[in-house]
Amino acid sequence: AGFLGFTDVAAGAKGIAKILFFIALIIFLIVLVFGVLLGVLVF
C-alpha cells in the first residue's frame, strides 16, 4: 500500500510539474511577444 501511495504521489507531482512548466512557458511566450511588439513600437 505504501509503494502504491508513493507512486500516486510521484504521478501527482509529475502532473503538477508539467502544469507549472506549461504555465511558465506560456508566460515566457507572452512576455517575449510583448517585448517584440514594444521593441517594434519603440524603434
C-alpha atoms as a PDB file:
ATOM      1  CA  ALA A   1       0.000   0.000   0.000  1.00  0.00           C
ATOM      2  CA  GLY A   2       2.857   2.342   0.855  1.00  0.00           C
ATOM      3  CA  PHE A   3       4.505   1.696  -2.512  1.00  0.00           C
ATOM      4  CA  LEU A   4       1.255   2.357  -4.393  1.00  0.00           C
ATOM      5  CA  GLY A   5       0.710   5.528  -2.373  1.00  0.00           C
ATOM      6  CA  PHE A   6       4.232   6.671  -3.223  1.00  0.00           C
ATOM      7  CA  THR A   7       3.639   6.104  -6.937  1.00  0.00           C
ATOM      8  CA  ASP A   8       0.401   8.105  -6.727  1.00  0.00           C
ATOM      9  CA  VAL A   9       2.258  10.968  -5.065  1.00  0.00           C
ATOM     10  CA  ALA A  10       5.018  10.778  -7.682  1.00  0.00           C
ATOM     11  CA  ALA A  11       2.446  10.807 -10.503  1.00  0.00           C
ATOM     12  CA  GLY A  12       0.680  13.789  -8.912  1.00  0.00           C
ATOM     13  CA  ALA A  13       3.957  15.674  -8.507  1.00  0.00           C
ATOM     14  CA  LYS A  14       4.833  14.934 -12.141  1.00  0.00           C
ATOM     15  CA  GLY A  15       1.452  16.248 -13.282  1.00  0.00           C
ATOM     16  CA  ILE A  16       1.835  19.402 -11.179  1.00  0.00           C
ATOM     17  CA  ALA A  17       5.352  19.943 -12.525  1.00  0.00           C
ATOM     18  CA  LYS A  18       4.055  19.573 -16.100  1.00  0.00           C
ATOM     19  CA  ILE A  19       1.257  22.104 -15.445  1.00  0.00           C
ATOM     20  CA  LEU A  20       3.696  24.584 -13.875  1.00  0.00           C
ATOM     21  CA  PHE A  21       6.086  24.088 -16.811  1.00  0.00           C
ATOM     22  CA  PHE A  22       3.351  24.872 -19.352  1.00  0.00           C
ATOM     23  CA  ILE A  23       2.256  27.935 -17.336  1.00  0.00           C
ATOM     24  CA  ALA A  24       5.853  29.198 -17.226  1.00  0.00           C
ATOM     25  CA  LEU A  25       6.227  28.529 -20.966  1.00  0.00           C
ATOM     26  CA  ILE A  26       3.024  30.440 -21.790  1.00  0.00           C
ATOM     27  CA  ILE A  27       4.098  33.387 -19.591  1.00  0.00           C
ATOM     28  CA  PHE A  28       7.523  33.382 -21.266  1.00  0.00           C
ATOM     29  CA  LEU A  29       5.945  33.433 -24.739  1.00  0.00           C
ATOM     30  CA  ILE A  30       3.579  36.274 -23.752  1.00  0.00           C
ATOM     31  CA  VAL A  31       6.485  38.320 -22.356  1.00  0.00           C
ATOM     32  CA  LEU A  32       8.528  37.577 -25.469  1.00  0.00           C
ATOM     33  CA  VAL A  33       5.691  38.650 -27.797  1.00  0.00           C
ATOM     34  CA  PHE A  34       5.058  41.860 -25.843  1.00  0.00           C
ATOM     35  CA  GLY A  35       8.797  42.528 -25.788  1.00  0.00           C
ATOM     36  CA  VAL A  36       8.978  42.215 -29.577  1.00  0.00           C
ATOM     37  CA  LEU A  37       5.869  44.369 -30.064  1.00  0.00           C
ATOM     38  CA  LEU A  38       7.141  47.034 -27.665  1.00  0.00           C
ATOM     39  CA  GLY A  39      10.555  46.854 -29.303  1.00  0.00           C
ATOM     40  CA  VAL A  40       8.960  47.435 -32.711  1.00  0.00           C
ATOM     41  CA  LEU A  41       6.892  50.298 -31.311  1.00  0.00           C
ATOM     42  CA  VAL A  42       9.897  51.852 -29.553  1.00  0.00           C
ATOM     43  CA  PHE A  43      12.161  51.554 -32.582  1.00  0.00           C
END
